[in-house]
Structures are given as C-alpha cells and as structure tokens.
N, C-alpha and C. Protein backbone atom coordinates (compact mmCIF):
# COMPACT_ATOMS: atom_id res chain seq x y z
N MET A 1 -83.70 91.06 -18.24
CA MET A 1 -83.79 92.28 -19.14
C MET A 1 -81.96 92.94 -18.72
N ILE A 2 -81.98 92.97 -17.34
CA ILE A 2 -80.98 93.89 -16.85
C ILE A 2 -79.70 93.43 -17.49
N VAL A 3 -79.58 92.18 -17.60
CA VAL A 3 -78.22 91.49 -18.15
C VAL A 3 -77.87 92.37 -19.46
N VAL A 4 -79.05 92.19 -20.33
CA VAL A 4 -79.32 92.83 -22.03
C VAL A 4 -79.00 94.49 -21.86
N SER A 5 -79.76 94.96 -20.93
CA SER A 5 -79.34 96.33 -20.65
C SER A 5 -78.10 96.81 -20.18
N ALA A 6 -77.46 96.37 -19.24
CA ALA A 6 -76.34 96.41 -18.58
C ALA A 6 -75.28 96.36 -19.96
N PHE A 7 -75.53 95.23 -20.65
CA PHE A 7 -74.52 94.48 -21.44
C PHE A 7 -74.61 95.89 -22.90
N TYR A 8 -75.42 96.41 -22.91
CA TYR A 8 -75.60 97.18 -23.88
C TYR A 8 -75.16 98.86 -23.60
N ALA A 9 -75.13 99.12 -22.41
CA ALA A 9 -74.49 100.17 -22.00
C ALA A 9 -72.93 100.15 -21.52
N VAL A 10 -72.48 99.06 -21.44
CA VAL A 10 -71.36 98.53 -21.26
C VAL A 10 -70.52 98.81 -22.79
N CYS A 11 -71.44 98.77 -23.75
CA CYS A 11 -70.94 98.15 -25.21
C CYS A 11 -70.98 99.56 -25.98
N VAL A 12 -72.04 100.27 -25.75
CA VAL A 12 -72.42 101.04 -26.58
C VAL A 12 -72.05 102.72 -25.75
N LEU A 13 -71.33 102.56 -24.73
CA LEU A 13 -70.50 104.34 -24.16
C LEU A 13 -69.89 104.50 -24.66
N PRO A 14 -68.43 103.38 -24.60
CA PRO A 14 -67.25 104.44 -25.39
C PRO A 14 -67.65 104.66 -26.89
N GLY A 15 -68.28 104.09 -27.70
CA GLY A 15 -69.13 104.96 -29.06
C GLY A 15 -69.50 106.17 -29.07
N THR A 16 -70.50 105.74 -27.78
CA THR A 16 -71.15 107.51 -27.64
C THR A 16 -70.19 108.39 -27.28
N THR A 17 -69.41 108.22 -26.48
CA THR A 17 -68.51 108.99 -25.64
C THR A 17 -67.33 109.65 -27.15
N PHE A 18 -66.98 108.70 -27.79
CA PHE A 18 -66.36 109.05 -28.62
C PHE A 18 -66.70 109.93 -29.64
N TYR A 19 -67.82 109.86 -30.08
CA TYR A 19 -68.74 110.68 -30.69
C TYR A 19 -69.16 111.91 -29.93
N LEU A 20 -69.33 111.92 -29.25
CA LEU A 20 -69.40 113.41 -28.33
C LEU A 20 -68.44 114.23 -28.15
N ILE A 21 -67.10 113.66 -27.72
CA ILE A 21 -65.87 113.83 -27.72
C ILE A 21 -65.71 114.73 -28.90
N SER A 22 -65.87 114.17 -30.31
CA SER A 22 -65.50 114.46 -31.10
C SER A 22 -66.15 115.42 -32.08
N ASN A 23 -67.64 115.53 -31.27
CA ASN A 23 -68.18 116.51 -31.89
C ASN A 23 -67.88 118.13 -31.19
N LEU A 24 -67.84 117.68 -29.83
CA LEU A 24 -67.60 118.88 -29.28
C LEU A 24 -66.41 119.80 -29.40
N THR A 25 -65.10 118.87 -29.57
CA THR A 25 -63.90 119.72 -29.74
C THR A 25 -63.58 118.97 -31.29
N PRO A 26 -63.84 119.71 -32.13
CA PRO A 26 -63.67 119.18 -33.70
C PRO A 26 -62.09 119.75 -33.54
N ASN A 27 -61.19 120.46 -32.99
CA ASN A 27 -60.02 120.47 -33.57
C ASN A 27 -58.86 119.56 -32.98
N MET A 28 -59.53 118.72 -31.76
CA MET A 28 -58.47 117.72 -31.02
C MET A 28 -58.55 116.36 -31.82
N THR A 29 -57.43 116.50 -31.91
CA THR A 29 -57.16 115.09 -32.73
C THR A 29 -57.29 113.75 -32.01
N LEU A 30 -57.90 112.50 -32.67
CA LEU A 30 -58.57 111.28 -31.60
C LEU A 30 -57.70 110.29 -32.13
N ASN A 31 -57.32 109.56 -31.36
CA ASN A 31 -56.67 108.03 -31.82
C ASN A 31 -57.42 107.39 -32.63
N VAL A 32 -57.35 107.02 -34.34
CA VAL A 32 -58.00 106.61 -34.94
C VAL A 32 -57.89 104.61 -34.90
N SER A 33 -56.93 104.14 -33.93
CA SER A 33 -57.50 102.99 -33.51
C SER A 33 -58.15 103.00 -32.33
N GLY A 34 -58.18 104.10 -31.72
CA GLY A 34 -59.32 103.67 -30.73
C GLY A 34 -60.67 103.64 -31.17
N TYR A 35 -61.02 104.50 -32.42
CA TYR A 35 -62.28 104.28 -33.46
C TYR A 35 -62.39 102.91 -33.94
N TYR A 36 -61.49 102.00 -33.61
CA TYR A 36 -61.79 100.44 -34.42
C TYR A 36 -61.71 99.60 -33.34
N VAL A 37 -61.28 99.88 -31.79
CA VAL A 37 -61.68 99.36 -31.04
C VAL A 37 -63.32 99.27 -30.50
N ILE A 38 -63.59 100.64 -30.50
CA ILE A 38 -64.82 100.81 -30.68
C ILE A 38 -65.68 100.22 -31.43
N LEU A 39 -65.57 100.00 -32.33
CA LEU A 39 -66.02 99.55 -33.65
C LEU A 39 -66.21 97.60 -33.25
N LEU A 40 -65.10 97.21 -32.72
CA LEU A 40 -64.82 95.84 -32.52
C LEU A 40 -65.93 95.65 -31.48
N ILE A 41 -66.08 96.12 -30.20
CA ILE A 41 -66.54 96.13 -29.33
C ILE A 41 -68.33 96.08 -29.91
N LEU A 42 -68.70 97.59 -30.55
CA LEU A 42 -69.93 97.21 -31.17
C LEU A 42 -70.36 96.38 -31.86
N PHE A 43 -69.64 95.48 -32.78
CA PHE A 43 -70.29 94.26 -33.16
C PHE A 43 -70.07 93.32 -32.53
N PHE A 44 -68.78 93.43 -31.70
CA PHE A 44 -69.19 92.24 -30.38
C PHE A 44 -70.95 92.28 -29.77
N TYR A 45 -71.18 93.00 -29.38
CA TYR A 45 -72.55 93.04 -28.97
C TYR A 45 -73.48 93.02 -29.90
N PHE A 46 -73.36 93.24 -31.14
CA PHE A 46 -74.65 92.81 -31.95
C PHE A 46 -74.13 91.08 -32.13
N ALA A 47 -73.19 90.50 -32.34
CA ALA A 47 -72.88 89.28 -32.76
C ALA A 47 -73.56 88.34 -31.09
N ALA A 48 -73.15 88.99 -30.01
CA ALA A 48 -73.31 87.97 -28.44
C ALA A 48 -75.07 88.74 -28.12
N ASN A 49 -75.83 89.37 -28.79
CA ASN A 49 -76.74 89.61 -28.07
C ASN A 49 -78.22 88.85 -28.24
N PRO A 50 -78.17 88.06 -29.86
CA PRO A 50 -79.15 86.88 -29.97
C PRO A 50 -78.66 86.16 -28.85
N PHE A 51 -77.46 85.18 -28.41
CA PHE A 51 -76.90 84.15 -27.65
C PHE A 51 -77.09 84.94 -26.40
N ILE A 52 -77.19 86.41 -25.94
CA ILE A 52 -77.62 86.52 -24.32
C ILE A 52 -79.20 85.72 -24.46
N TYR A 53 -80.10 86.41 -25.49
CA TYR A 53 -81.52 86.27 -25.45
C TYR A 53 -82.04 84.86 -25.53
N ALA A 54 -81.17 84.36 -26.20
CA ALA A 54 -81.59 82.47 -26.42
C ALA A 54 -80.94 81.88 -24.73
N VAL A 55 -79.88 82.31 -24.45
CA VAL A 55 -79.58 81.94 -23.27
C VAL A 55 -80.84 82.21 -21.72
N LYS A 56 -80.62 83.54 -21.80
CA LYS A 56 -81.78 84.21 -20.79
C LYS A 56 -82.84 83.47 -20.40
N PHE A 57 -83.58 84.04 -21.51
CA PHE A 57 -85.28 84.14 -21.31
C PHE A 57 -85.82 82.93 -22.18
N ASP A 58 -86.51 82.20 -21.46
CA ASP A 58 -87.39 81.44 -21.55
C ASP A 58 -88.28 81.14 -22.79
N PRO A 59 -89.34 82.68 -22.74
CA PRO A 59 -89.64 82.69 -24.15
C PRO A 59 -88.97 82.24 -25.67
N VAL A 60 -88.01 82.59 -25.46
CA VAL A 60 -87.14 82.85 -26.70
C VAL A 60 -86.64 81.45 -26.76
N LYS A 61 -85.79 80.90 -25.74
CA LYS A 61 -85.81 79.32 -25.36
C LYS A 61 -86.68 78.43 -26.30
N ARG A 62 -87.75 78.44 -25.72
CA ARG A 62 -89.09 77.66 -26.15
C ARG A 62 -89.07 77.87 -27.53
N VAL A 63 -89.12 78.93 -28.51
CA VAL A 63 -89.41 78.92 -29.57
C VAL A 63 -88.36 78.84 -30.20
N LEU A 64 -87.02 78.83 -29.90
CA LEU A 64 -85.66 78.19 -30.53
C LEU A 64 -85.88 76.51 -30.51
N LEU A 65 -86.37 76.00 -29.62
CA LEU A 65 -86.31 74.73 -29.21
C LEU A 65 -87.31 73.92 -30.28
N ARG A 66 -88.37 74.68 -30.51
CA ARG A 66 -89.54 74.48 -31.24
C ARG A 66 -89.08 74.56 -32.49
N LEU A 67 -87.81 75.21 -33.38
CA LEU A 67 -87.39 75.31 -34.53
C LEU A 67 -86.81 74.25 -34.84
N ILE A 68 -85.81 73.61 -33.94
CA ILE A 68 -84.88 72.52 -34.14
C ILE A 68 -85.52 71.52 -33.89
N PRO A 69 -85.55 70.93 -35.92
CA PRO A 69 -86.07 69.68 -36.02
C PRO A 69 -85.23 68.29 -35.17
N PHE A 70 -86.27 67.28 -34.57
CA PHE A 70 -85.40 66.37 -34.28
C PHE A 70 -86.37 64.80 -34.51
N LYS A 71 -85.73 63.99 -34.41
CA LYS A 71 -87.00 62.77 -35.01
C LYS A 71 -86.94 61.98 -33.95
N GLU A 72 -88.18 61.73 -33.36
CA GLU A 72 -88.34 60.67 -32.17
C GLU A 72 -87.78 59.26 -32.51
N SER A 73 -87.48 58.75 -31.60
CA SER A 73 -86.79 57.42 -31.70
C SER A 73 -87.84 56.42 -31.70
N THR A 74 -88.25 55.29 -32.29
CA THR A 74 -89.08 54.44 -32.58
C THR A 74 -88.95 53.63 -31.50
N VAL A 75 -87.78 53.34 -31.30
CA VAL A 75 -87.22 51.92 -30.93
C VAL A 75 -87.63 52.15 -29.16
N GLN A 76 -87.88 51.40 -28.77
CA GLN A 76 -88.30 51.80 -27.35
C GLN A 76 -86.95 50.65 -26.05
N PRO A 77 -86.37 51.90 -25.43
CA PRO A 77 -84.98 51.29 -25.19
C PRO A 77 -85.44 49.60 -24.13
N GLU A 78 -84.29 48.99 -23.98
CA GLU A 78 -84.95 47.61 -23.29
C GLU A 78 -84.41 47.99 -22.01
N THR A 79 -85.44 47.17 -21.17
CA THR A 79 -85.37 47.23 -19.65
C THR A 79 -84.65 45.97 -18.90
N LEU A 80 -83.92 46.18 -18.45
CA LEU A 80 -83.00 44.80 -17.99
C LEU A 80 -83.97 44.71 -16.67
N ALA A 81 -84.11 43.10 -16.79
CA ALA A 81 -85.15 42.60 -15.58
C ALA A 81 -84.04 41.90 -14.48
N ALA A 82 -84.67 42.07 -13.73
CA ALA A 82 -84.43 42.05 -12.34
C ALA A 82 -83.97 40.50 -12.03
N THR A 83 -82.48 40.18 -11.74
CA THR A 83 -82.40 38.71 -11.49
C THR A 83 -82.29 38.24 -10.03
C-alpha cells in the first residue's frame, strides 16, 4: 500500500500545485505546456495503477489468475527410465 500511496502522491502533487498556484494568483500567467505535462503524468498514473495492484497485492493476483482461462493438459509427460 505504501507503493501505491507514494506513486499517487508523486503523480498528483504537480497537478494540485498547479491548480493551487493558478487559483491563488489569477493575474500570473502559467505555462500551458506545463499543464499538458501534468496531464500526461496523471494519465500515466491512471494507466499504471491497475498494474501496480496486479503485481504487488496477492489477493488481486489470485483473482486475476482465476480469471485467466487455461486448459489443463490431459497428456501425461513421459518419464525417462533409468538405464
């Protein structure tokens, strides 16, 4: 949970700071390209979050593995006889 919380803080902090600065100083002009970089970081967080849960948390791993259909092989592997 620490990984998810830290990742959230790192990705959301620039957007929150940008929003706070733009509201506290309305006469100040902010770089629009910085806004798009912040959006890119937020989209990266939204896209990466499910993968973090899938890799780090065992209950999520178990549920996802049960969702993947697989066919058990009916052919038994051949055993080599000791010669």
